[in-house]
Amino acid sequence: MTRKKQKPTSFVRLIVYGVLFSAFLLGLEVHWISNKKQELLFLENKIENALFLAHKQKAKASINQRWHQSGALPTKGYLQREVCGQHFLQKEKKELREHIASNAFFGNKELESRFAAIANEQNRLLFKEDSIETTPFLQESLYTQKNPIEVDNDDLVTLLTAIEGGGLLIPDFSMKRKSVANDREVFQVNMQLIKREKLSS
C-alpha cells in the first residue's frame, strides 16, 4: 500500500515565509547601507571642497587687503617663473623611478603607465590669457588654466603659497581627489588667476 506524501503544514510554511522575508529585509538593509556609504562619500567631498573654498576666500581677502594697504603687485614675470615654473609630484616620480629600475621589479603595466603619465611635460601648469579689464589706474588680466594638473599635498601648499605671495587672485578653483596605482594621495586641480598691473600715470 502506497503512502501519500504529507503536504507541508501551516507552521512549516510560516517558517519558510519568515526566512524569505528576513532575506528580503537583509537585502534592503544592505542596499540602504550601500546608499548611505555613497551619500557619506559625497558629503565628505562637499565638506572638503567647502573647507578649501573657505580657505581660498580667506586668502583672497588677505591678498586684497594687503594690496589696498601697500599697492604691492607681482614683479614682471612672476606668474611664469614662480607659479608656472613649479614641478609637481617629484616624490612620486622618484619613488616610481627607483622602483622600476630596481632588480626586484619584474614588470607592472599599471605602475609603468603611471610613471610615463607624470614623468613627461604634460603635468605642467599652463595658463592662457582670457580677458583684460582696465580702469584709470589698474589693469586686471584673467588667466585660465589650459589643462588640469595633478599635485600632492606638498605641491598644493607650495603652489598656493606662491600664488598668494605674488599678489595673484584666485577667482575660480576646483580640486578633486584622484585614485592612482600606488595609492598616494593625489589631487586634480584646475583654476583661474587674476594678475593686476598698475598703469603708468
N, C-alpha and C. Protein backbone atom coordinates (compact mmCIF):
# COMPACT_ATOMS: atom_id res chain seq x y z
N MET A 1 0.83 -1.19 0.00
CA MET A 1 0.00 0.00 0.00
C MET A 1 0.89 1.26 0.00
N THR A 2 0.67 2.16 -0.99
CA THR A 2 1.50 3.36 -1.13
C THR A 2 1.04 4.44 -0.17
N ARG A 3 2.07 4.99 0.51
CA ARG A 3 1.74 6.05 1.47
C ARG A 3 1.75 7.40 0.75
N LYS A 4 0.74 8.22 1.00
CA LYS A 4 0.66 9.53 0.39
C LYS A 4 1.60 10.50 1.09
N LYS A 5 2.22 11.36 0.23
CA LYS A 5 3.11 12.38 0.80
C LYS A 5 2.27 13.41 1.54
N GLN A 6 2.75 13.77 2.71
CA GLN A 6 2.04 14.77 3.50
C GLN A 6 2.38 16.18 3.02
N LYS A 7 1.40 17.00 2.89
CA LYS A 7 1.61 18.39 2.50
C LYS A 7 2.25 19.15 3.66
N PRO A 8 3.08 20.17 3.31
CA PRO A 8 3.69 20.96 4.39
C PRO A 8 2.62 21.59 5.26
N THR A 9 2.86 21.56 6.51
CA THR A 9 1.90 22.14 7.46
C THR A 9 1.96 23.65 7.39
N SER A 10 0.98 24.27 7.97
CA SER A 10 0.94 25.73 8.00
C SER A 10 2.13 26.29 8.76
N PHE A 11 2.58 25.55 9.80
CA PHE A 11 3.74 26.00 10.60
C PHE A 11 5.00 26.04 9.75
N VAL A 12 5.20 25.00 8.91
CA VAL A 12 6.38 24.95 8.04
C VAL A 12 6.34 26.09 7.03
N ARG A 13 5.15 26.32 6.48
CA ARG A 13 5.02 27.41 5.52
C ARG A 13 5.34 28.76 6.17
N LEU A 14 4.92 28.93 7.41
CA LEU A 14 5.22 30.17 8.11
C LEU A 14 6.73 30.36 8.29
N ILE A 15 7.42 29.25 8.60
CA ILE A 15 8.88 29.31 8.75
C ILE A 15 9.53 29.71 7.43
N VAL A 16 9.08 29.09 6.33
CA VAL A 16 9.65 29.40 5.01
C VAL A 16 9.40 30.86 4.65
N TYR A 17 8.17 31.31 4.89
CA TYR A 17 7.86 32.71 4.60
C TYR A 17 8.71 33.66 5.46
N GLY A 18 8.89 33.25 6.72
CA GLY A 18 9.70 34.09 7.62
C GLY A 18 11.13 34.20 7.15
N VAL A 19 11.70 33.05 6.68
CA VAL A 19 13.08 33.07 6.17
C VAL A 19 13.18 33.95 4.93
N LEU A 20 12.21 33.81 4.02
CA LEU A 20 12.22 34.61 2.80
C LEU A 20 12.07 36.10 3.12
N PHE A 21 11.21 36.41 4.07
CA PHE A 21 11.00 37.80 4.44
C PHE A 21 12.26 38.39 5.09
N SER A 22 12.92 37.57 5.93
CA SER A 22 14.16 38.03 6.57
C SER A 22 15.24 38.30 5.51
N ALA A 23 15.31 37.41 4.49
CA ALA A 23 16.29 37.61 3.42
C ALA A 23 15.98 38.89 2.66
N PHE A 24 14.70 39.14 2.45
CA PHE A 24 14.28 40.36 1.76
C PHE A 24 14.69 41.60 2.55
N LEU A 25 14.43 41.55 3.88
CA LEU A 25 14.81 42.69 4.74
C LEU A 25 16.32 42.89 4.75
N LEU A 26 17.08 41.77 4.77
CA LEU A 26 18.54 41.86 4.76
C LEU A 26 19.03 42.52 3.48
N GLY A 27 18.38 42.13 2.36
CA GLY A 27 18.75 42.74 1.10
C GLY A 27 18.49 44.23 1.09
N LEU A 28 17.34 44.63 1.66
CA LEU A 28 17.02 46.05 1.75
C LEU A 28 18.04 46.78 2.62
N GLU A 29 18.46 46.14 3.73
CA GLU A 29 19.42 46.77 4.65
C GLU A 29 20.77 46.96 3.96
N VAL A 30 21.22 45.93 3.21
CA VAL A 30 22.50 46.03 2.50
C VAL A 30 22.44 47.16 1.48
N HIS A 31 21.31 47.24 0.76
CA HIS A 31 21.14 48.30 -0.24
C HIS A 31 21.14 49.67 0.44
N TRP A 32 20.47 49.77 1.60
CA TRP A 32 20.41 51.03 2.34
C TRP A 32 21.80 51.46 2.81
N ILE A 33 22.57 50.49 3.34
CA ILE A 33 23.93 50.78 3.82
C ILE A 33 24.81 51.24 2.67
N SER A 34 24.67 50.56 1.51
CA SER A 34 25.46 50.95 0.35
C SER A 34 25.15 52.37 -0.08
N ASN A 35 23.85 52.71 -0.09
CA ASN A 35 23.45 54.08 -0.46
C ASN A 35 23.98 55.10 0.55
N LYS A 36 23.94 54.73 1.83
CA LYS A 36 24.43 55.64 2.87
C LYS A 36 25.93 55.89 2.72
N LYS A 37 26.68 54.82 2.35
CA LYS A 37 28.12 54.99 2.15
C LYS A 37 28.39 55.97 1.02
N GLN A 38 27.61 55.83 -0.07
CA GLN A 38 27.77 56.75 -1.19
C GLN A 38 27.44 58.18 -0.77
N GLU A 39 26.37 58.32 0.03
CA GLU A 39 26.00 59.66 0.49
C GLU A 39 27.08 60.26 1.39
N LEU A 40 27.67 59.42 2.25
CA LEU A 40 28.73 59.91 3.14
C LEU A 40 29.96 60.35 2.35
N LEU A 41 30.32 59.57 1.32
CA LEU A 41 31.45 59.94 0.47
C LEU A 41 31.18 61.26 -0.24
N PHE A 42 29.95 61.40 -0.72
CA PHE A 42 29.57 62.64 -1.41
C PHE A 42 29.64 63.83 -0.45
N LEU A 43 29.12 63.63 0.78
CA LEU A 43 29.17 64.72 1.77
C LEU A 43 30.60 65.04 2.16
N GLU A 44 31.44 64.00 2.27
CA GLU A 44 32.84 64.21 2.63
C GLU A 44 33.53 65.09 1.58
N ASN A 45 33.27 64.78 0.31
CA ASN A 45 33.87 65.59 -0.76
C ASN A 45 33.35 67.02 -0.73
N LYS A 46 32.03 67.18 -0.46
CA LYS A 46 31.46 68.52 -0.41
C LYS A 46 32.06 69.33 0.74
N ILE A 47 32.22 68.67 1.90
CA ILE A 47 32.79 69.36 3.06
C ILE A 47 34.23 69.75 2.79
N GLU A 48 34.98 68.81 2.18
CA GLU A 48 36.38 69.08 1.86
C GLU A 48 36.50 70.27 0.91
N ASN A 49 35.66 70.28 -0.13
CA ASN A 49 35.69 71.39 -1.07
C ASN A 49 35.24 72.69 -0.42
N ALA A 50 34.25 72.61 0.48
CA ALA A 50 33.77 73.80 1.16
C ALA A 50 34.86 74.39 2.05
N LEU A 51 35.59 73.52 2.77
CA LEU A 51 36.67 73.99 3.63
C LEU A 51 37.78 74.63 2.81
N PHE A 52 38.07 73.99 1.66
CA PHE A 52 39.12 74.55 0.82
C PHE A 52 38.68 75.88 0.23
N LEU A 53 37.38 75.96 -0.15
CA LEU A 53 36.86 77.21 -0.68
C LEU A 53 36.92 78.32 0.36
N ALA A 54 36.63 77.95 1.62
CA ALA A 54 36.71 78.94 2.70
C ALA A 54 38.13 79.44 2.86
N HIS A 55 39.09 78.50 2.78
CA HIS A 55 40.50 78.89 2.87
C HIS A 55 40.87 79.81 1.71
N LYS A 56 40.37 79.47 0.52
CA LYS A 56 40.67 80.26 -0.67
C LYS A 56 40.11 81.68 -0.53
N GLN A 57 38.85 81.80 -0.05
CA GLN A 57 38.24 83.10 0.10
C GLN A 57 38.99 83.94 1.13
N LYS A 58 39.44 83.26 2.20
CA LYS A 58 40.20 83.98 3.23
C LYS A 58 41.52 84.48 2.67
N ALA A 59 42.18 83.63 1.86
CA ALA A 59 43.44 84.03 1.26
C ALA A 59 43.24 85.19 0.30
N LYS A 60 42.16 85.12 -0.50
CA LYS A 60 41.87 86.21 -1.44
C LYS A 60 41.62 87.52 -0.70
N ALA A 61 40.86 87.44 0.41
CA ALA A 61 40.57 88.64 1.18
C ALA A 61 41.85 89.24 1.76
N SER A 62 42.73 88.36 2.21
CA SER A 62 44.00 88.81 2.78
C SER A 62 44.85 89.50 1.71
N ILE A 63 44.87 88.91 0.51
CA ILE A 63 45.65 89.50 -0.58
C ILE A 63 45.09 90.87 -0.94
N ASN A 64 43.78 90.96 -1.07
CA ASN A 64 43.15 92.23 -1.41
C ASN A 64 43.45 93.32 -0.37
N GLN A 65 43.37 92.92 0.89
CA GLN A 65 43.61 93.88 1.96
C GLN A 65 45.05 94.40 1.90
N ARG A 66 46.00 93.47 1.72
CA ARG A 66 47.40 93.88 1.66
C ARG A 66 47.66 94.77 0.45
N TRP A 67 46.98 94.42 -0.66
CA TRP A 67 47.20 95.22 -1.87
C TRP A 67 46.69 96.64 -1.69
N HIS A 68 45.51 96.78 -1.09
CA HIS A 68 44.96 98.11 -0.87
C HIS A 68 45.82 98.91 0.10
N GLN A 69 46.45 98.21 1.04
CA GLN A 69 47.27 98.91 2.03
C GLN A 69 48.62 99.32 1.45
N SER A 70 49.22 98.43 0.65
CA SER A 70 50.58 98.69 0.19
C SER A 70 50.70 98.94 -1.31
N GLY A 71 49.66 98.53 -2.06
CA GLY A 71 49.74 98.68 -3.51
C GLY A 71 50.72 97.70 -4.14
N ALA A 72 51.11 96.66 -3.38
CA ALA A 72 52.11 95.70 -3.88
C ALA A 72 51.52 94.85 -4.99
N LEU A 73 52.29 94.67 -6.06
CA LEU A 73 51.88 93.85 -7.19
C LEU A 73 53.01 92.90 -7.55
N PRO A 74 52.70 91.76 -8.19
CA PRO A 74 53.75 90.83 -8.55
C PRO A 74 54.74 91.47 -9.53
N THR A 75 56.01 91.10 -9.38
CA THR A 75 57.03 91.61 -10.28
C THR A 75 56.85 91.01 -11.67
N LYS A 76 57.44 91.63 -12.64
CA LYS A 76 57.31 91.18 -14.03
C LYS A 76 57.86 89.76 -14.17
N GLY A 77 57.07 88.90 -14.79
CA GLY A 77 57.49 87.52 -15.00
C GLY A 77 57.24 86.60 -13.82
N TYR A 78 56.61 87.12 -12.75
CA TYR A 78 56.40 86.30 -11.54
C TYR A 78 55.51 85.09 -11.82
N LEU A 79 54.42 85.30 -12.54
CA LEU A 79 53.49 84.20 -12.82
C LEU A 79 54.19 83.05 -13.55
N GLN A 80 54.93 83.39 -14.58
CA GLN A 80 55.60 82.35 -15.37
C GLN A 80 56.73 81.69 -14.60
N ARG A 81 57.46 82.49 -13.84
CA ARG A 81 58.65 81.98 -13.16
C ARG A 81 58.31 81.23 -11.88
N GLU A 82 57.53 81.83 -10.99
CA GLU A 82 57.31 81.27 -9.67
C GLU A 82 56.11 80.34 -9.57
N VAL A 83 55.13 80.52 -10.44
CA VAL A 83 53.92 79.69 -10.39
C VAL A 83 53.98 78.60 -11.46
N CYS A 84 54.09 79.02 -12.72
CA CYS A 84 54.11 78.03 -13.82
C CYS A 84 55.43 77.25 -13.86
N GLY A 85 56.45 77.78 -13.23
CA GLY A 85 57.74 77.10 -13.26
C GLY A 85 57.88 75.96 -12.25
N GLN A 86 56.84 75.69 -11.47
CA GLN A 86 56.93 74.63 -10.47
C GLN A 86 56.83 73.24 -11.11
N HIS A 87 57.47 72.28 -10.46
CA HIS A 87 57.42 70.88 -10.90
C HIS A 87 56.68 70.07 -9.83
N PHE A 88 55.75 69.25 -10.29
CA PHE A 88 54.84 68.57 -9.37
C PHE A 88 55.13 67.06 -9.30
N LEU A 89 54.68 66.46 -8.19
CA LEU A 89 54.77 65.01 -7.95
C LEU A 89 56.21 64.50 -8.01
N GLN A 90 57.14 65.30 -7.50
CA GLN A 90 58.54 64.90 -7.55
C GLN A 90 58.84 63.67 -6.68
N LYS A 91 58.19 63.59 -5.53
CA LYS A 91 58.41 62.43 -4.66
C LYS A 91 57.92 61.15 -5.32
N GLU A 92 56.73 61.23 -5.91
CA GLU A 92 56.18 60.04 -6.57
C GLU A 92 57.03 59.64 -7.76
N LYS A 93 57.50 60.60 -8.54
CA LYS A 93 58.37 60.30 -9.68
C LYS A 93 59.63 59.57 -9.22
N LYS A 94 60.25 60.09 -8.15
CA LYS A 94 61.49 59.50 -7.63
C LYS A 94 61.24 58.06 -7.16
N GLU A 95 60.16 57.85 -6.41
CA GLU A 95 59.87 56.51 -5.90
C GLU A 95 59.59 55.53 -7.03
N LEU A 96 58.80 55.95 -8.02
CA LEU A 96 58.48 55.07 -9.14
C LEU A 96 59.72 54.79 -9.98
N ARG A 97 60.56 55.80 -10.21
CA ARG A 97 61.77 55.62 -10.99
C ARG A 97 62.69 54.61 -10.33
N GLU A 98 62.87 54.74 -9.02
CA GLU A 98 63.75 53.81 -8.30
C GLU A 98 63.16 52.41 -8.26
N HIS A 99 61.84 52.32 -8.09
CA HIS A 99 61.19 51.01 -8.03
C HIS A 99 61.28 50.28 -9.36
N ILE A 100 61.03 50.99 -10.45
CA ILE A 100 61.07 50.37 -11.78
C ILE A 100 62.50 49.97 -12.14
N ALA A 101 63.49 50.75 -11.69
CA ALA A 101 64.89 50.46 -12.01
C ALA A 101 65.50 49.37 -11.14
N SER A 102 64.84 48.99 -10.05
CA SER A 102 65.41 48.01 -9.13
C SER A 102 65.34 46.60 -9.69
N ASN A 103 66.22 45.73 -9.19
CA ASN A 103 66.25 44.33 -9.64
C ASN A 103 65.02 43.55 -9.18
N ALA A 104 64.32 44.08 -8.18
CA ALA A 104 63.14 43.38 -7.66
C ALA A 104 61.90 43.65 -8.50
N PHE A 105 62.02 44.55 -9.48
CA PHE A 105 60.86 44.88 -10.32
C PHE A 105 60.79 43.94 -11.51
N PHE A 106 59.67 43.24 -11.64
CA PHE A 106 59.50 42.28 -12.73
C PHE A 106 58.41 42.71 -13.71
N GLY A 107 58.09 43.98 -13.68
CA GLY A 107 57.11 44.49 -14.63
C GLY A 107 55.74 44.67 -14.01
N ASN A 108 55.20 45.85 -14.20
CA ASN A 108 53.85 46.17 -13.74
C ASN A 108 53.33 47.28 -14.66
N LYS A 109 52.42 46.90 -15.54
CA LYS A 109 51.96 47.85 -16.56
C LYS A 109 51.30 49.07 -15.94
N GLU A 110 50.59 48.86 -14.84
CA GLU A 110 49.88 49.97 -14.20
C GLU A 110 50.87 51.00 -13.65
N LEU A 111 51.93 50.51 -12.97
CA LEU A 111 52.93 51.43 -12.43
C LEU A 111 53.73 52.09 -13.55
N GLU A 112 54.06 51.32 -14.58
CA GLU A 112 54.81 51.88 -15.71
C GLU A 112 54.00 52.95 -16.43
N SER A 113 52.71 52.72 -16.58
CA SER A 113 51.84 53.71 -17.23
C SER A 113 51.74 54.97 -16.38
N ARG A 114 51.65 54.77 -15.05
CA ARG A 114 51.57 55.91 -14.14
C ARG A 114 52.84 56.75 -14.22
N PHE A 115 54.00 56.10 -14.24
CA PHE A 115 55.26 56.82 -14.31
C PHE A 115 55.37 57.59 -15.62
N ALA A 116 54.97 56.95 -16.72
CA ALA A 116 55.02 57.61 -18.03
C ALA A 116 54.11 58.83 -18.07
N ALA A 117 52.96 58.74 -17.37
CA ALA A 117 51.98 59.83 -17.40
C ALA A 117 52.46 61.07 -16.66
N ILE A 118 53.24 60.87 -15.58
CA ILE A 118 53.64 62.04 -14.77
C ILE A 118 55.08 62.47 -15.04
N ALA A 119 55.83 61.65 -15.77
CA ALA A 119 57.24 61.97 -15.99
C ALA A 119 57.43 62.91 -17.19
N ASN A 120 56.43 63.00 -18.06
CA ASN A 120 56.58 63.87 -19.22
C ASN A 120 56.16 65.30 -18.87
N GLU A 121 56.11 66.14 -19.87
CA GLU A 121 55.83 67.56 -19.65
C GLU A 121 54.34 67.89 -19.63
N GLN A 122 53.49 66.90 -19.69
CA GLN A 122 52.06 67.16 -19.74
C GLN A 122 51.52 67.67 -18.41
N ASN A 123 52.16 67.29 -17.31
CA ASN A 123 51.68 67.72 -15.99
C ASN A 123 52.32 69.05 -15.58
N ARG A 124 52.26 70.01 -16.47
CA ARG A 124 52.78 71.35 -16.21
C ARG A 124 51.64 72.33 -16.09
N LEU A 125 51.85 73.35 -15.28
CA LEU A 125 50.84 74.38 -15.07
C LEU A 125 50.99 75.45 -16.14
N LEU A 126 49.99 75.52 -17.03
CA LEU A 126 50.00 76.49 -18.12
C LEU A 126 48.68 77.26 -18.13
N PHE A 127 48.79 78.55 -18.44
CA PHE A 127 47.61 79.41 -18.48
C PHE A 127 47.49 80.09 -19.84
N LYS A 128 46.27 80.45 -20.17
CA LYS A 128 46.01 81.30 -21.33
C LYS A 128 45.31 82.56 -20.85
N GLU A 129 45.63 83.67 -21.46
CA GLU A 129 45.02 84.94 -21.07
C GLU A 129 43.64 85.04 -21.73
N ASP A 130 42.61 85.15 -20.90
CA ASP A 130 41.24 85.15 -21.41
C ASP A 130 40.68 86.55 -21.64
N SER A 131 40.92 87.43 -20.69
CA SER A 131 40.35 88.77 -20.82
C SER A 131 41.16 89.78 -20.03
N ILE A 132 40.99 91.03 -20.40
CA ILE A 132 41.69 92.13 -19.72
C ILE A 132 40.67 93.22 -19.39
N GLU A 133 40.65 93.66 -18.14
CA GLU A 133 39.81 94.77 -17.72
C GLU A 133 40.71 95.92 -17.27
N THR A 134 40.37 97.10 -17.72
CA THR A 134 41.21 98.26 -17.45
C THR A 134 40.42 99.35 -16.75
N THR A 135 41.00 99.90 -15.70
CA THR A 135 40.47 101.08 -15.01
C THR A 135 41.47 102.21 -15.23
N PRO A 136 41.17 103.41 -14.78
CA PRO A 136 42.13 104.51 -14.99
C PRO A 136 43.52 104.25 -14.41
N PHE A 137 43.60 103.44 -13.36
CA PHE A 137 44.91 103.23 -12.73
C PHE A 137 45.38 101.79 -12.72
N LEU A 138 44.50 100.86 -13.17
CA LEU A 138 44.81 99.44 -12.97
C LEU A 138 44.35 98.60 -14.15
N GLN A 139 45.14 97.58 -14.45
CA GLN A 139 44.76 96.61 -15.47
C GLN A 139 44.71 95.21 -14.83
N GLU A 140 43.59 94.52 -15.01
CA GLU A 140 43.43 93.18 -14.48
C GLU A 140 43.35 92.19 -15.65
N SER A 141 44.20 91.18 -15.62
CA SER A 141 44.21 90.14 -16.65
C SER A 141 43.73 88.83 -16.05
N LEU A 142 42.76 88.20 -16.72
CA LEU A 142 42.23 86.91 -16.26
C LEU A 142 42.92 85.79 -17.02
N TYR A 143 43.50 84.85 -16.26
CA TYR A 143 44.19 83.70 -16.85
C TYR A 143 43.44 82.42 -16.48
N THR A 144 43.18 81.59 -17.49
CA THR A 144 42.51 80.31 -17.28
C THR A 144 43.49 79.17 -17.54
N GLN A 145 43.49 78.21 -16.65
CA GLN A 145 44.38 77.06 -16.77
C GLN A 145 44.04 76.27 -18.04
N LYS A 146 45.06 75.89 -18.81
CA LYS A 146 44.83 75.19 -20.07
C LYS A 146 44.38 73.75 -19.84
N ASN A 147 45.05 73.05 -18.92
CA ASN A 147 44.72 71.65 -18.64
C ASN A 147 44.81 71.40 -17.14
N PRO A 148 44.00 70.48 -16.61
CA PRO A 148 44.13 70.13 -15.19
C PRO A 148 45.52 69.57 -14.90
N ILE A 149 45.98 69.79 -13.70
CA ILE A 149 47.26 69.23 -13.27
C ILE A 149 47.03 68.31 -12.08
N GLU A 150 48.01 67.43 -11.82
CA GLU A 150 47.97 66.55 -10.66
C GLU A 150 49.03 67.00 -9.67
N VAL A 151 48.64 67.10 -8.40
CA VAL A 151 49.55 67.55 -7.35
C VAL A 151 49.35 66.71 -6.11
N ASP A 152 50.38 66.66 -5.25
CA ASP A 152 50.21 66.04 -3.94
C ASP A 152 50.03 67.15 -2.90
N ASN A 153 49.96 66.78 -1.63
CA ASN A 153 49.71 67.77 -0.57
C ASN A 153 50.79 68.84 -0.53
N ASP A 154 52.05 68.41 -0.61
CA ASP A 154 53.15 69.37 -0.55
C ASP A 154 53.11 70.33 -1.74
N ASP A 155 52.83 69.78 -2.93
CA ASP A 155 52.72 70.63 -4.12
C ASP A 155 51.64 71.68 -3.95
N LEU A 156 50.51 71.27 -3.39
CA LEU A 156 49.37 72.16 -3.24
C LEU A 156 49.70 73.34 -2.33
N VAL A 157 50.37 73.04 -1.22
CA VAL A 157 50.77 74.11 -0.28
C VAL A 157 51.75 75.06 -0.96
N THR A 158 52.75 74.52 -1.64
CA THR A 158 53.75 75.34 -2.31
C THR A 158 53.12 76.21 -3.39
N LEU A 159 52.20 75.62 -4.15
CA LEU A 159 51.55 76.36 -5.24
C LEU A 159 50.71 77.51 -4.70
N LEU A 160 49.89 77.24 -3.69
CA LEU A 160 49.04 78.29 -3.14
C LEU A 160 49.86 79.38 -2.45
N THR A 161 50.96 78.99 -1.83
CA THR A 161 51.84 79.96 -1.19
C THR A 161 52.44 80.90 -2.23
N ALA A 162 52.86 80.34 -3.37
CA ALA A 162 53.43 81.16 -4.44
C ALA A 162 52.39 82.10 -5.02
N ILE A 163 51.18 81.61 -5.19
CA ILE A 163 50.10 82.45 -5.73
C ILE A 163 49.78 83.60 -4.78
N GLU A 164 49.64 83.27 -3.50
CA GLU A 164 49.31 84.30 -2.51
C GLU A 164 50.46 85.28 -2.36
N GLY A 165 51.68 84.76 -2.33
CA GLY A 165 52.85 85.61 -2.15
C GLY A 165 53.07 86.57 -3.30
N GLY A 166 52.57 86.21 -4.48
CA GLY A 166 52.74 87.08 -5.63
C GLY A 166 51.63 88.07 -5.82
N GLY A 167 50.68 88.11 -4.89
CA GLY A 167 49.59 89.06 -5.01
C GLY A 167 48.60 88.70 -6.09
N LEU A 168 48.60 87.45 -6.53
CA LEU A 168 47.65 86.99 -7.55
C LEU A 168 46.34 86.59 -6.89
N LEU A 169 45.24 86.75 -7.60
CA LEU A 169 43.93 86.40 -7.08
C LEU A 169 43.44 85.10 -7.74
N ILE A 170 42.60 84.37 -7.00
CA ILE A 170 42.04 83.11 -7.50
C ILE A 170 40.52 83.25 -7.57
N PRO A 171 39.97 83.64 -8.72
CA PRO A 171 38.52 83.79 -8.82
C PRO A 171 37.78 82.46 -8.93
N ASP A 172 38.48 81.43 -9.38
CA ASP A 172 37.83 80.12 -9.54
C ASP A 172 38.84 79.02 -9.27
N PHE A 173 38.41 78.01 -8.53
CA PHE A 173 39.32 76.91 -8.16
C PHE A 173 38.50 75.64 -7.97
N SER A 174 38.98 74.53 -8.55
CA SER A 174 38.34 73.23 -8.34
C SER A 174 39.41 72.20 -8.04
N MET A 175 39.07 71.27 -7.17
CA MET A 175 40.02 70.23 -6.77
C MET A 175 39.26 68.95 -6.47
N LYS A 176 39.75 67.83 -6.95
CA LYS A 176 39.14 66.55 -6.61
C LYS A 176 40.23 65.50 -6.42
N ARG A 177 39.97 64.60 -5.47
CA ARG A 177 40.93 63.53 -5.19
C ARG A 177 40.93 62.52 -6.33
N LYS A 178 42.11 62.05 -6.68
CA LYS A 178 42.25 61.11 -7.79
C LYS A 178 42.88 59.82 -7.30
N SER A 179 42.33 58.68 -7.74
CA SER A 179 42.88 57.38 -7.39
C SER A 179 44.02 57.04 -8.34
N VAL A 180 45.18 56.69 -7.78
CA VAL A 180 46.33 56.34 -8.61
C VAL A 180 46.82 54.95 -8.23
N ALA A 181 47.68 54.39 -9.09
CA ALA A 181 48.09 52.99 -8.96
C ALA A 181 48.80 52.69 -7.65
N ASN A 182 49.60 53.63 -7.16
CA ASN A 182 50.41 53.36 -5.96
C ASN A 182 49.78 53.89 -4.68
N ASP A 183 48.48 54.21 -4.73
CA ASP A 183 47.70 54.60 -3.54
C ASP A 183 48.21 55.86 -2.86
N ARG A 184 48.87 56.74 -3.57
CA ARG A 184 49.27 58.02 -3.00
C ARG A 184 48.09 58.97 -3.02
N GLU A 185 48.14 59.99 -2.17
CA GLU A 185 47.08 60.99 -2.14
C GLU A 185 47.40 62.06 -3.17
N VAL A 186 46.64 62.05 -4.26
CA VAL A 186 46.88 62.95 -5.38
C VAL A 186 45.58 63.69 -5.69
N PHE A 187 45.72 64.97 -6.04
CA PHE A 187 44.55 65.79 -6.37
C PHE A 187 44.68 66.34 -7.78
N GLN A 188 43.54 66.42 -8.45
CA GLN A 188 43.49 67.06 -9.76
C GLN A 188 42.98 68.49 -9.55
N VAL A 189 43.74 69.45 -10.07
CA VAL A 189 43.47 70.86 -9.79
C VAL A 189 43.25 71.62 -11.08
N ASN A 190 42.28 72.52 -11.01
CA ASN A 190 42.01 73.43 -12.13
C ASN A 190 41.67 74.79 -11.54
N MET A 191 42.14 75.87 -12.17
CA MET A 191 41.91 77.19 -11.57
C MET A 191 41.97 78.31 -12.60
N GLN A 192 41.57 79.48 -12.14
CA GLN A 192 41.77 80.73 -12.85
C GLN A 192 42.54 81.67 -11.94
N LEU A 193 43.32 82.55 -12.54
CA LEU A 193 44.07 83.55 -11.78
C LEU A 193 43.82 84.93 -12.36
N ILE A 194 43.90 85.94 -11.49
CA ILE A 194 43.84 87.31 -11.92
C ILE A 194 45.16 87.99 -11.56
N LYS A 195 45.78 88.61 -12.56
CA LYS A 195 47.02 89.36 -12.33
C LYS A 195 46.73 90.85 -12.49
N ARG A 196 47.14 91.62 -11.50
CA ARG A 196 46.92 93.07 -11.52
C ARG A 196 48.21 93.79 -11.88
N GLU A 197 48.07 94.81 -12.68
CA GLU A 197 49.21 95.64 -13.05
C GLU A 197 48.81 97.09 -12.97
N LYS A 198 49.66 97.91 -12.38
CA LYS A 198 49.40 99.33 -12.32
C LYS A 198 49.70 99.96 -13.68
N LEU A 199 48.86 100.88 -14.06
CA LEU A 199 49.08 101.62 -15.30
C LEU A 199 49.86 102.87 -14.99
N SER A 200 50.79 103.17 -15.86
CA SER A 200 51.60 104.37 -15.63
C SER A 200 50.73 105.61 -15.77
N SER A 201 50.91 106.54 -14.89
CA SER A 201 50.08 107.75 -14.89
C SER A 201 50.58 108.75 -15.91
